[in-house]
Amino acid sequence: MIVLIAPKIDIENETQILNQLFSAGLECYHLAKPNKNSQEHVDFIKEIDLKFHNRIVLHHFHELTNMFDLKGIHFEEEQRRNYIETPTRYFKDLNLFGKTISSSFSELNDLVDSDFEYDYHVLSSIFVSGNQPNVEGIQVKVSDIDKNIIAKYECDLSTIQKVFDLGYKGVAVSEKIWHNNEPVASFTKLKAHHDAIRTLL
């Protein structure tokens, strides 16, 4: 599974590129735009082809799942603590039938201890990025954990194998795609490599 997280700051022709990424096989896009208000989220989603709406996961303004046929909702860490780990009626007015619910975690212990049954968990800081010289990667193995865990890591073709070796079910990337001069080509290469590895598991 490849999760593509939106760039926090808009880039030129972003929704046009996003439609191309969906056409290239992107199945899960996390709309994480903390600086956009509700109406700006609506306007952004409307620029995406209707047939791709069911691949979009919302980080903010979850109530928009009542307006659009989206893939699901995602809780960032603070949201999770406020709405999931403390008693609330957060879900009362949300139409989440058939939708996914996921959450971000920065600490493995918090993920393991979580009682909520998320469809998948996004774990960051699985190991130190290779672009930091003289730093040995901190590897967090999850193969013994009976949960669907996605690694948030800006992996490339040379490191994605390691992610699966550690027991992750996929990767969540952002800058590796969006900051590339050819984001669609970059994603296509990553997806081809990802799919080839998955067939061997």
N, C-alpha and C. Protein backbone atom coordinates (compact mmCIF):
# COMPACT_ATOMS: atom_id res chain seq x y z
N MET A 1 0.84 -1.19 0.00
CA MET A 1 0.00 0.00 0.00
C MET A 1 0.88 1.25 0.00
N ILE A 2 0.59 2.16 -0.88
CA ILE A 2 1.28 3.44 -0.91
C ILE A 2 0.28 4.53 -0.54
N VAL A 3 0.60 5.27 0.50
CA VAL A 3 -0.19 6.43 0.90
C VAL A 3 0.59 7.67 0.49
N LEU A 4 -0.05 8.52 -0.29
CA LEU A 4 0.58 9.80 -0.65
C LEU A 4 -0.04 10.90 0.18
N ILE A 5 0.78 11.59 0.95
CA ILE A 5 0.31 12.68 1.80
C ILE A 5 0.48 14.00 1.06
N ALA A 6 -0.53 14.84 1.14
CA ALA A 6 -0.49 16.13 0.45
C ALA A 6 0.63 17.01 1.00
N PRO A 7 1.20 17.87 0.16
CA PRO A 7 2.13 18.87 0.67
C PRO A 7 1.34 19.89 1.49
N LYS A 8 1.87 20.29 2.63
CA LYS A 8 1.12 21.22 3.49
C LYS A 8 0.89 22.56 2.80
N ILE A 9 1.86 22.97 2.00
CA ILE A 9 1.74 24.22 1.25
C ILE A 9 1.45 23.87 -0.21
N ASP A 10 0.45 24.49 -0.78
CA ASP A 10 0.05 24.18 -2.15
C ASP A 10 1.21 24.37 -3.12
N ILE A 11 1.25 23.50 -4.13
CA ILE A 11 2.22 23.65 -5.20
C ILE A 11 1.47 23.96 -6.50
N GLU A 12 2.18 24.45 -7.47
CA GLU A 12 1.56 24.85 -8.73
C GLU A 12 0.94 23.64 -9.43
N ASN A 13 -0.28 23.79 -9.91
CA ASN A 13 -1.00 22.74 -10.64
C ASN A 13 -1.18 21.47 -9.80
N GLU A 14 -1.35 21.65 -8.51
CA GLU A 14 -1.38 20.49 -7.62
C GLU A 14 -2.53 19.53 -7.93
N THR A 15 -3.73 20.04 -8.09
CA THR A 15 -4.85 19.13 -8.33
C THR A 15 -4.75 18.49 -9.71
N GLN A 16 -4.19 19.19 -10.67
CA GLN A 16 -3.97 18.60 -11.99
C GLN A 16 -2.99 17.43 -11.89
N ILE A 17 -1.91 17.65 -11.15
CA ILE A 17 -0.93 16.58 -10.95
C ILE A 17 -1.57 15.43 -10.17
N LEU A 18 -2.38 15.77 -9.18
CA LEU A 18 -3.02 14.74 -8.38
C LEU A 18 -3.93 13.86 -9.23
N ASN A 19 -4.69 14.45 -10.12
CA ASN A 19 -5.53 13.67 -11.03
C ASN A 19 -4.68 12.73 -11.89
N GLN A 20 -3.51 13.19 -12.30
CA GLN A 20 -2.60 12.35 -13.08
C GLN A 20 -2.06 11.20 -12.23
N LEU A 21 -1.78 11.50 -10.96
CA LEU A 21 -1.29 10.45 -10.05
C LEU A 21 -2.36 9.39 -9.82
N PHE A 22 -3.59 9.81 -9.65
CA PHE A 22 -4.68 8.84 -9.52
C PHE A 22 -4.77 7.97 -10.78
N SER A 23 -4.67 8.59 -11.93
CA SER A 23 -4.73 7.84 -13.19
C SER A 23 -3.56 6.86 -13.31
N ALA A 24 -2.44 7.19 -12.65
CA ALA A 24 -1.26 6.33 -12.69
C ALA A 24 -1.33 5.21 -11.66
N GLY A 25 -2.40 5.17 -10.87
CA GLY A 25 -2.58 4.06 -9.95
C GLY A 25 -2.55 4.40 -8.48
N LEU A 26 -2.48 5.68 -8.12
CA LEU A 26 -2.53 6.06 -6.71
C LEU A 26 -3.90 5.68 -6.13
N GLU A 27 -3.89 4.92 -5.04
CA GLU A 27 -5.14 4.42 -4.47
C GLU A 27 -5.50 5.08 -3.14
N CYS A 28 -4.54 5.75 -2.52
CA CYS A 28 -4.82 6.35 -1.21
C CYS A 28 -4.08 7.68 -1.08
N TYR A 29 -4.85 8.76 -1.05
CA TYR A 29 -4.28 10.10 -0.94
C TYR A 29 -4.79 10.75 0.34
N HIS A 30 -3.87 11.19 1.19
CA HIS A 30 -4.23 11.85 2.44
C HIS A 30 -4.25 13.36 2.22
N LEU A 31 -5.43 13.94 2.30
CA LEU A 31 -5.60 15.38 2.15
C LEU A 31 -5.31 16.04 3.49
N ALA A 32 -4.06 16.45 3.66
CA ALA A 32 -3.61 17.07 4.91
C ALA A 32 -3.20 18.50 4.62
N LYS A 33 -4.13 19.41 4.78
CA LYS A 33 -3.90 20.82 4.50
C LYS A 33 -4.33 21.64 5.72
N PRO A 34 -3.49 21.69 6.76
CA PRO A 34 -3.89 22.35 8.01
C PRO A 34 -4.15 23.84 7.88
N ASN A 35 -3.63 24.45 6.83
CA ASN A 35 -3.82 25.89 6.66
C ASN A 35 -5.05 26.25 5.84
N LYS A 36 -5.77 25.25 5.36
CA LYS A 36 -6.99 25.50 4.59
C LYS A 36 -8.21 25.42 5.50
N ASN A 37 -9.18 26.29 5.27
CA ASN A 37 -10.43 26.20 6.03
C ASN A 37 -11.38 25.22 5.34
N SER A 38 -12.56 25.07 5.90
CA SER A 38 -13.51 24.09 5.38
C SER A 38 -13.87 24.35 3.92
N GLN A 39 -14.20 25.59 3.60
CA GLN A 39 -14.59 25.90 2.23
C GLN A 39 -13.44 25.68 1.25
N GLU A 40 -12.23 25.97 1.68
CA GLU A 40 -11.07 25.73 0.82
C GLU A 40 -10.86 24.24 0.59
N HIS A 41 -11.18 23.43 1.60
CA HIS A 41 -11.15 21.98 1.40
C HIS A 41 -12.18 21.56 0.36
N VAL A 42 -13.37 22.11 0.47
CA VAL A 42 -14.44 21.80 -0.48
C VAL A 42 -14.00 22.17 -1.90
N ASP A 43 -13.46 23.36 -2.06
CA ASP A 43 -13.02 23.82 -3.38
C ASP A 43 -11.92 22.92 -3.94
N PHE A 44 -11.02 22.50 -3.07
CA PHE A 44 -9.91 21.63 -3.48
C PHE A 44 -10.45 20.29 -3.97
N ILE A 45 -11.34 19.69 -3.20
CA ILE A 45 -11.90 18.39 -3.56
C ILE A 45 -12.66 18.47 -4.88
N LYS A 46 -13.36 19.55 -5.09
CA LYS A 46 -14.14 19.71 -6.32
C LYS A 46 -13.26 19.78 -7.56
N GLU A 47 -11.99 20.11 -7.38
CA GLU A 47 -11.06 20.16 -8.51
C GLU A 47 -10.52 18.78 -8.87
N ILE A 48 -10.83 17.80 -8.04
CA ILE A 48 -10.39 16.43 -8.29
C ILE A 48 -11.51 15.68 -9.00
N ASP A 49 -11.16 14.90 -10.01
CA ASP A 49 -12.16 14.15 -10.76
C ASP A 49 -13.04 13.34 -9.82
N LEU A 50 -14.33 13.39 -10.05
CA LEU A 50 -15.30 12.72 -9.19
C LEU A 50 -14.99 11.24 -9.01
N LYS A 51 -14.51 10.60 -10.05
CA LYS A 51 -14.25 9.16 -9.99
C LYS A 51 -13.10 8.81 -9.04
N PHE A 52 -12.33 9.83 -8.63
CA PHE A 52 -11.21 9.59 -7.72
C PHE A 52 -11.51 9.99 -6.28
N HIS A 53 -12.69 10.51 -6.02
CA HIS A 53 -13.01 10.97 -4.67
C HIS A 53 -12.91 9.85 -3.64
N ASN A 54 -13.23 8.63 -4.05
CA ASN A 54 -13.20 7.52 -3.10
C ASN A 54 -11.79 7.02 -2.80
N ARG A 55 -10.79 7.79 -3.19
CA ARG A 55 -9.40 7.49 -2.83
C ARG A 55 -8.82 8.56 -1.90
N ILE A 56 -9.67 9.48 -1.48
CA ILE A 56 -9.22 10.61 -0.66
C ILE A 56 -9.54 10.38 0.81
N VAL A 57 -8.55 10.57 1.67
CA VAL A 57 -8.71 10.46 3.12
C VAL A 57 -8.50 11.85 3.72
N LEU A 58 -9.43 12.29 4.55
CA LEU A 58 -9.38 13.62 5.15
C LEU A 58 -8.63 13.64 6.48
N HIS A 59 -7.74 14.60 6.66
CA HIS A 59 -7.10 14.82 7.95
C HIS A 59 -7.87 15.85 8.77
N HIS A 60 -8.56 16.75 8.11
CA HIS A 60 -9.28 17.83 8.78
C HIS A 60 -10.70 17.92 8.21
N PHE A 61 -11.59 18.52 8.98
CA PHE A 61 -12.98 18.70 8.55
C PHE A 61 -13.60 17.37 8.10
N HIS A 62 -13.56 16.43 9.03
CA HIS A 62 -14.07 15.09 8.75
C HIS A 62 -15.53 15.09 8.33
N GLU A 63 -16.26 16.12 8.72
CA GLU A 63 -17.68 16.18 8.37
C GLU A 63 -17.90 16.28 6.86
N LEU A 64 -16.86 16.55 6.11
CA LEU A 64 -17.01 16.61 4.65
C LEU A 64 -17.24 15.23 4.04
N THR A 65 -17.06 14.18 4.85
CA THR A 65 -17.42 12.85 4.36
C THR A 65 -18.92 12.74 4.17
N ASN A 66 -19.68 13.63 4.80
CA ASN A 66 -21.13 13.65 4.59
C ASN A 66 -21.50 14.32 3.27
N MET A 67 -20.56 15.07 2.71
CA MET A 67 -20.82 15.82 1.47
C MET A 67 -20.26 15.11 0.24
N PHE A 68 -19.11 14.44 0.43
CA PHE A 68 -18.44 13.77 -0.68
C PHE A 68 -18.29 12.28 -0.38
N ASP A 69 -18.23 11.48 -1.43
CA ASP A 69 -18.02 10.04 -1.28
C ASP A 69 -16.52 9.78 -1.21
N LEU A 70 -15.96 9.96 -0.02
CA LEU A 70 -14.52 9.86 0.18
C LEU A 70 -14.12 8.50 0.74
N LYS A 71 -12.81 8.24 0.74
CA LYS A 71 -12.30 6.95 1.21
C LYS A 71 -12.40 6.82 2.73
N GLY A 72 -12.11 7.91 3.45
CA GLY A 72 -12.16 7.81 4.90
C GLY A 72 -11.61 9.04 5.60
N ILE A 73 -11.33 8.86 6.89
CA ILE A 73 -10.81 9.97 7.70
C ILE A 73 -9.55 9.50 8.43
N HIS A 74 -8.72 10.47 8.76
CA HIS A 74 -7.46 10.18 9.45
C HIS A 74 -7.34 11.10 10.65
N PHE A 75 -6.84 10.55 11.75
CA PHE A 75 -6.61 11.32 12.96
C PHE A 75 -5.11 11.53 13.15
N GLU A 76 -4.69 12.80 13.17
CA GLU A 76 -3.33 13.09 13.56
C GLU A 76 -3.23 12.92 15.07
N GLU A 77 -2.03 12.96 15.61
CA GLU A 77 -1.83 12.56 17.01
C GLU A 77 -2.66 13.37 17.99
N GLU A 78 -2.66 14.68 17.84
CA GLU A 78 -3.43 15.51 18.77
C GLU A 78 -4.93 15.24 18.63
N GLN A 79 -5.38 15.05 17.41
CA GLN A 79 -6.79 14.72 17.18
C GLN A 79 -7.14 13.41 17.87
N ARG A 80 -6.25 12.45 17.74
CA ARG A 80 -6.51 11.14 18.34
C ARG A 80 -6.65 11.26 19.85
N ARG A 81 -5.78 12.03 20.46
CA ARG A 81 -5.85 12.18 21.92
C ARG A 81 -7.13 12.90 22.34
N ASN A 82 -7.57 13.85 21.53
CA ASN A 82 -8.76 14.64 21.89
C ASN A 82 -10.07 13.91 21.64
N TYR A 83 -10.12 13.11 20.58
CA TYR A 83 -11.40 12.56 20.15
C TYR A 83 -11.52 11.04 20.27
N ILE A 84 -10.40 10.34 20.30
CA ILE A 84 -10.45 8.88 20.35
C ILE A 84 -10.11 8.36 21.74
N GLU A 85 -9.07 8.91 22.33
CA GLU A 85 -8.59 8.38 23.60
C GLU A 85 -9.32 8.96 24.80
N THR A 86 -10.19 9.94 24.57
CA THR A 86 -11.06 10.46 25.63
C THR A 86 -12.50 10.32 25.17
N PRO A 87 -13.42 10.08 26.10
CA PRO A 87 -14.82 9.86 25.71
C PRO A 87 -15.42 11.10 25.04
N THR A 88 -15.86 10.93 23.80
CA THR A 88 -16.52 12.02 23.08
C THR A 88 -17.63 11.42 22.23
N ARG A 89 -18.41 12.30 21.63
CA ARG A 89 -19.44 11.86 20.69
C ARG A 89 -19.05 12.30 19.28
N TYR A 90 -17.76 12.21 19.03
CA TYR A 90 -17.21 12.75 17.79
C TYR A 90 -17.84 12.14 16.54
N PHE A 91 -18.10 10.85 16.58
CA PHE A 91 -18.57 10.15 15.39
C PHE A 91 -20.08 10.26 15.18
N LYS A 92 -20.77 10.86 16.14
CA LYS A 92 -22.23 10.84 16.13
C LYS A 92 -22.84 11.32 14.82
N ASP A 93 -22.35 12.40 14.27
CA ASP A 93 -22.96 13.00 13.08
C ASP A 93 -22.16 12.75 11.80
N LEU A 94 -21.24 11.78 11.86
CA LEU A 94 -20.44 11.48 10.68
C LEU A 94 -20.96 10.23 9.98
N ASN A 95 -21.10 10.29 8.69
CA ASN A 95 -21.50 9.13 7.90
C ASN A 95 -20.25 8.37 7.47
N LEU A 96 -19.87 7.38 8.26
CA LEU A 96 -18.62 6.68 8.02
C LEU A 96 -18.83 5.25 7.56
N PHE A 97 -20.04 4.91 7.17
CA PHE A 97 -20.30 3.54 6.70
C PHE A 97 -19.44 3.25 5.47
N GLY A 98 -18.66 2.19 5.56
CA GLY A 98 -17.79 1.81 4.45
C GLY A 98 -16.54 2.64 4.31
N LYS A 99 -16.28 3.54 5.27
CA LYS A 99 -15.11 4.41 5.21
C LYS A 99 -13.98 3.83 6.07
N THR A 100 -12.76 4.21 5.75
CA THR A 100 -11.63 3.81 6.58
C THR A 100 -11.39 4.85 7.67
N ILE A 101 -10.85 4.37 8.79
CA ILE A 101 -10.43 5.25 9.88
C ILE A 101 -8.98 4.88 10.20
N SER A 102 -8.11 5.87 10.14
CA SER A 102 -6.69 5.62 10.40
C SER A 102 -6.15 6.70 11.33
N SER A 103 -4.93 6.49 11.82
CA SER A 103 -4.34 7.47 12.72
C SER A 103 -2.82 7.46 12.62
N SER A 104 -2.22 8.59 12.96
CA SER A 104 -0.77 8.73 12.99
C SER A 104 -0.24 8.43 14.39
N PHE A 105 0.93 7.82 14.42
CA PHE A 105 1.62 7.53 15.68
C PHE A 105 3.10 7.84 15.50
N SER A 106 3.69 8.46 16.50
CA SER A 106 5.13 8.69 16.48
C SER A 106 5.87 7.73 17.39
N GLU A 107 5.12 7.10 18.30
CA GLU A 107 5.72 6.15 19.23
C GLU A 107 5.07 4.78 19.06
N LEU A 108 5.90 3.77 18.91
CA LEU A 108 5.38 2.42 18.70
C LEU A 108 4.56 1.94 19.89
N ASN A 109 4.98 2.29 21.10
CA ASN A 109 4.25 1.85 22.29
C ASN A 109 2.82 2.37 22.29
N ASP A 110 2.63 3.62 21.87
CA ASP A 110 1.28 4.18 21.80
C ASP A 110 0.43 3.42 20.79
N LEU A 111 1.04 3.03 19.69
CA LEU A 111 0.33 2.27 18.66
C LEU A 111 -0.09 0.91 19.20
N VAL A 112 0.84 0.23 19.84
CA VAL A 112 0.55 -1.10 20.38
C VAL A 112 -0.53 -1.03 21.45
N ASP A 113 -0.49 0.00 22.28
CA ASP A 113 -1.43 0.11 23.40
C ASP A 113 -2.81 0.62 22.98
N SER A 114 -2.93 1.12 21.77
CA SER A 114 -4.21 1.68 21.33
C SER A 114 -5.27 0.59 21.20
N ASP A 115 -6.43 0.81 21.81
CA ASP A 115 -7.52 -0.17 21.77
C ASP A 115 -8.45 0.05 20.58
N PHE A 116 -8.36 1.20 19.94
CA PHE A 116 -9.26 1.50 18.83
C PHE A 116 -8.84 0.69 17.60
N GLU A 117 -9.80 0.11 16.92
CA GLU A 117 -9.49 -0.73 15.76
C GLU A 117 -9.44 0.11 14.49
N TYR A 118 -8.28 0.69 14.24
CA TYR A 118 -8.07 1.46 13.02
C TYR A 118 -7.90 0.51 11.83
N ASP A 119 -8.27 0.99 10.67
CA ASP A 119 -8.04 0.19 9.47
C ASP A 119 -6.55 0.10 9.16
N TYR A 120 -5.83 1.16 9.46
CA TYR A 120 -4.37 1.12 9.36
C TYR A 120 -3.79 2.22 10.23
N HIS A 121 -2.54 2.02 10.61
CA HIS A 121 -1.82 2.93 11.49
C HIS A 121 -0.61 3.46 10.72
N VAL A 122 -0.35 4.76 10.81
CA VAL A 122 0.80 5.35 10.13
C VAL A 122 1.84 5.70 11.19
N LEU A 123 2.96 4.98 11.15
CA LEU A 123 4.02 5.16 12.15
C LEU A 123 5.18 5.94 11.54
N SER A 124 5.54 7.05 12.17
CA SER A 124 6.66 7.86 11.68
C SER A 124 7.94 7.49 12.42
N SER A 125 9.04 8.01 11.93
CA SER A 125 10.36 7.81 12.56
C SER A 125 10.68 6.33 12.72
N ILE A 126 10.51 5.57 11.63
CA ILE A 126 10.83 4.14 11.72
C ILE A 126 12.33 3.92 11.66
N PHE A 127 13.04 4.78 10.96
CA PHE A 127 14.49 4.82 11.06
C PHE A 127 14.99 6.13 10.47
N VAL A 128 16.16 6.54 10.91
CA VAL A 128 16.69 7.84 10.53
C VAL A 128 16.97 7.87 9.03
N SER A 129 16.60 8.94 8.38
CA SER A 129 16.80 9.08 6.94
C SER A 129 18.27 8.96 6.58
N GLY A 130 18.52 8.30 5.47
CA GLY A 130 19.88 8.04 5.05
C GLY A 130 20.66 9.27 4.65
N ASN A 131 20.00 10.40 4.51
CA ASN A 131 20.73 11.61 4.10
C ASN A 131 21.42 12.29 5.27
N GLN A 132 21.33 11.68 6.45
CA GLN A 132 22.04 12.22 7.60
C GLN A 132 23.34 11.44 7.77
N PRO A 133 24.48 12.03 7.47
CA PRO A 133 25.74 11.30 7.50
C PRO A 133 26.12 10.83 8.89
N ASN A 134 26.79 9.69 8.93
CA ASN A 134 27.34 9.14 10.17
C ASN A 134 26.27 8.81 11.20
N VAL A 135 25.04 8.60 10.74
CA VAL A 135 23.98 8.22 11.67
C VAL A 135 23.45 6.85 11.25
N GLU A 136 23.54 5.90 12.16
CA GLU A 136 23.03 4.57 11.86
C GLU A 136 21.51 4.56 11.99
N GLY A 137 20.83 4.02 11.01
CA GLY A 137 19.38 4.01 11.01
C GLY A 137 18.80 3.29 12.22
N ILE A 138 17.82 3.91 12.84
CA ILE A 138 17.10 3.28 13.95
C ILE A 138 15.96 2.48 13.34
N GLN A 139 16.03 1.17 13.44
CA GLN A 139 15.06 0.32 12.78
C GLN A 139 14.01 -0.16 13.77
N VAL A 140 12.76 0.09 13.44
CA VAL A 140 11.65 -0.30 14.29
C VAL A 140 10.91 -1.44 13.60
N LYS A 141 11.11 -2.64 14.09
CA LYS A 141 10.49 -3.82 13.50
C LYS A 141 9.07 -4.00 14.03
N VAL A 142 8.14 -4.30 13.12
CA VAL A 142 6.74 -4.44 13.54
C VAL A 142 6.12 -5.75 13.08
N SER A 143 6.95 -6.66 12.57
CA SER A 143 6.42 -7.90 12.00
C SER A 143 5.71 -8.76 13.03
N ASP A 144 5.99 -8.58 14.31
CA ASP A 144 5.35 -9.38 15.35
C ASP A 144 4.09 -8.72 15.91
N ILE A 145 3.71 -7.58 15.37
CA ILE A 145 2.54 -6.85 15.86
C ILE A 145 1.36 -7.11 14.93
N ASP A 146 0.27 -7.57 15.49
CA ASP A 146 -0.91 -7.95 14.70
C ASP A 146 -1.78 -6.74 14.39
N LYS A 147 -1.18 -5.78 13.68
CA LYS A 147 -1.91 -4.58 13.26
C LYS A 147 -1.40 -4.18 11.88
N ASN A 148 -2.25 -3.49 11.14
CA ASN A 148 -1.89 -3.02 9.80
C ASN A 148 -1.13 -1.71 9.94
N ILE A 149 0.18 -1.76 9.77
CA ILE A 149 1.03 -0.60 10.05
C ILE A 149 1.73 -0.13 8.77
N ILE A 150 1.59 1.15 8.51
CA ILE A 150 2.22 1.79 7.36
C ILE A 150 3.38 2.64 7.85
N ALA A 151 4.51 2.57 7.17
CA ALA A 151 5.68 3.35 7.56
C ALA A 151 5.65 4.72 6.89
N LYS A 152 5.67 5.77 7.71
CA LYS A 152 5.80 7.12 7.15
C LYS A 152 7.28 7.39 6.98
N TYR A 153 7.74 7.28 5.76
CA TYR A 153 9.17 7.38 5.51
C TYR A 153 9.38 7.78 4.05
N GLU A 154 10.23 8.75 3.82
CA GLU A 154 10.48 9.21 2.45
C GLU A 154 11.43 8.24 1.76
N CYS A 155 10.94 7.04 1.54
CA CYS A 155 11.77 5.99 0.96
C CYS A 155 11.96 6.21 -0.54
N ASP A 156 12.96 5.51 -1.08
CA ASP A 156 13.16 5.52 -2.52
C ASP A 156 13.31 4.07 -2.97
N LEU A 157 13.69 3.87 -4.21
CA LEU A 157 13.76 2.50 -4.74
C LEU A 157 14.77 1.64 -3.99
N SER A 158 15.76 2.27 -3.38
CA SER A 158 16.80 1.50 -2.69
C SER A 158 16.45 1.17 -1.25
N THR A 159 15.44 1.81 -0.69
CA THR A 159 15.12 1.59 0.73
C THR A 159 13.74 1.00 0.97
N ILE A 160 12.90 0.94 -0.05
CA ILE A 160 11.54 0.45 0.18
C ILE A 160 11.54 -1.03 0.58
N GLN A 161 12.51 -1.80 0.08
CA GLN A 161 12.59 -3.21 0.47
C GLN A 161 12.77 -3.33 1.98
N LYS A 162 13.58 -2.46 2.57
CA LYS A 162 13.83 -2.50 4.01
C LYS A 162 12.55 -2.29 4.80
N VAL A 163 11.68 -1.43 4.30
CA VAL A 163 10.41 -1.16 4.97
C VAL A 163 9.60 -2.45 5.11
N PHE A 164 9.53 -3.21 4.03
CA PHE A 164 8.77 -4.47 4.08
C PHE A 164 9.49 -5.52 4.91
N ASP A 165 10.82 -5.52 4.88
CA ASP A 165 11.59 -6.46 5.70
C ASP A 165 11.31 -6.26 7.19
N LEU A 166 10.99 -5.03 7.58
CA LEU A 166 10.70 -4.72 8.98
C LEU A 166 9.26 -5.05 9.36
N GLY A 167 8.46 -5.48 8.39
CA GLY A 167 7.10 -5.93 8.69
C GLY A 167 6.00 -4.94 8.38
N TYR A 168 6.33 -3.82 7.75
CA TYR A 168 5.30 -2.84 7.41
C TYR A 168 4.50 -3.30 6.20
N LYS A 169 3.25 -2.86 6.15
CA LYS A 169 2.36 -3.26 5.06
C LYS A 169 2.37 -2.25 3.91
N GLY A 170 3.13 -1.18 4.06
CA GLY A 170 3.20 -0.17 3.02
C GLY A 170 3.95 1.05 3.48
N VAL A 171 3.94 2.08 2.65
CA VAL A 171 4.68 3.30 2.96
C VAL A 171 3.80 4.53 2.75
N ALA A 172 4.05 5.55 3.55
CA ALA A 172 3.40 6.85 3.38
C ALA A 172 4.48 7.85 3.02
N VAL A 173 4.36 8.47 1.86
CA VAL A 173 5.38 9.39 1.37
C VAL A 173 4.74 10.73 1.03
N SER A 174 5.57 11.74 0.91
CA SER A 174 5.07 13.06 0.52
C SER A 174 6.12 13.79 -0.31
N GLU A 175 7.17 14.28 0.34
CA GLU A 175 8.15 15.14 -0.32
C GLU A 175 8.86 14.44 -1.48
N LYS A 176 9.10 13.14 -1.35
CA LYS A 176 9.79 12.41 -2.42
C LYS A 176 9.04 12.51 -3.73
N ILE A 177 7.74 12.65 -3.65
CA ILE A 177 6.92 12.77 -4.85
C ILE A 177 6.70 14.24 -5.21
N TRP A 178 6.19 15.00 -4.26
CA TRP A 178 5.77 16.37 -4.56
C TRP A 178 6.94 17.30 -4.88
N HIS A 179 8.11 17.05 -4.32
CA HIS A 179 9.25 17.92 -4.57
C HIS A 179 10.12 17.42 -5.72
N ASN A 180 9.65 16.41 -6.41
CA ASN A 180 10.35 15.89 -7.58
C ASN A 180 9.96 16.70 -8.81
N ASN A 181 10.90 16.89 -9.71
CA ASN A 181 10.59 17.64 -10.93
C ASN A 181 9.55 16.94 -11.79
N GLU A 182 9.47 15.62 -11.65
CA GLU A 182 8.49 14.83 -12.40
C GLU A 182 7.75 13.93 -11.42
N PRO A 183 6.79 14.48 -10.67
CA PRO A 183 6.12 13.72 -9.61
C PRO A 183 5.40 12.47 -10.10
N VAL A 184 4.78 12.53 -11.26
CA VAL A 184 4.04 11.36 -11.76
C VAL A 184 5.02 10.24 -12.11
N ALA A 185 6.09 10.57 -12.79
CA ALA A 185 7.10 9.57 -13.14
C ALA A 185 7.74 8.99 -11.88
N SER A 186 8.01 9.85 -10.89
CA SER A 186 8.59 9.39 -9.63
C SER A 186 7.66 8.41 -8.93
N PHE A 187 6.38 8.75 -8.88
CA PHE A 187 5.41 7.85 -8.25
C PHE A 187 5.30 6.54 -9.01
N THR A 188 5.27 6.60 -10.33
CA THR A 188 5.12 5.40 -11.14
C THR A 188 6.27 4.42 -10.89
N LYS A 189 7.49 4.94 -10.78
CA LYS A 189 8.65 4.09 -10.50
C LYS A 189 8.55 3.47 -9.11
N LEU A 190 8.16 4.30 -8.13
CA LEU A 190 8.02 3.80 -6.76
C LEU A 190 6.94 2.73 -6.70
N LYS A 191 5.83 2.95 -7.35
CA LYS A 191 4.72 1.99 -7.34
C LYS A 191 5.12 0.68 -7.99
N ALA A 192 5.84 0.74 -9.11
CA ALA A 192 6.27 -0.47 -9.79
C ALA A 192 7.18 -1.29 -8.89
N HIS A 193 8.10 -0.62 -8.21
CA HIS A 193 9.02 -1.31 -7.30
C HIS A 193 8.26 -1.87 -6.11
N HIS A 194 7.35 -1.08 -5.56
CA HIS A 194 6.51 -1.50 -4.44
C HIS A 194 5.69 -2.73 -4.81
N ASP A 195 5.05 -2.70 -5.96
CA ASP A 195 4.20 -3.82 -6.39
C ASP A 195 5.01 -5.08 -6.62
N ALA A 196 6.22 -4.93 -7.15
CA ALA A 196 7.08 -6.09 -7.39
C ALA A 196 7.47 -6.76 -6.08
N ILE A 197 7.76 -5.96 -5.07
CA ILE A 197 8.11 -6.50 -3.76
C ILE A 197 6.91 -7.19 -3.13
N ARG A 198 5.73 -6.57 -3.24
CA ARG A 198 4.52 -7.12 -2.63
C ARG A 198 4.18 -8.49 -3.20
N THR A 199 4.44 -8.71 -4.48
CA THR A 199 4.11 -10.00 -5.10
C THR A 199 4.97 -11.13 -4.54
N LEU A 200 6.10 -10.78 -3.95
CA LEU A 200 7.02 -11.79 -3.41
C LEU A 200 6.76 -12.09 -1.94
N LEU A 201 5.90 -11.32 -1.30
CA LEU A 201 5.64 -11.51 0.13
C LEU A 201 4.64 -12.62 0.37
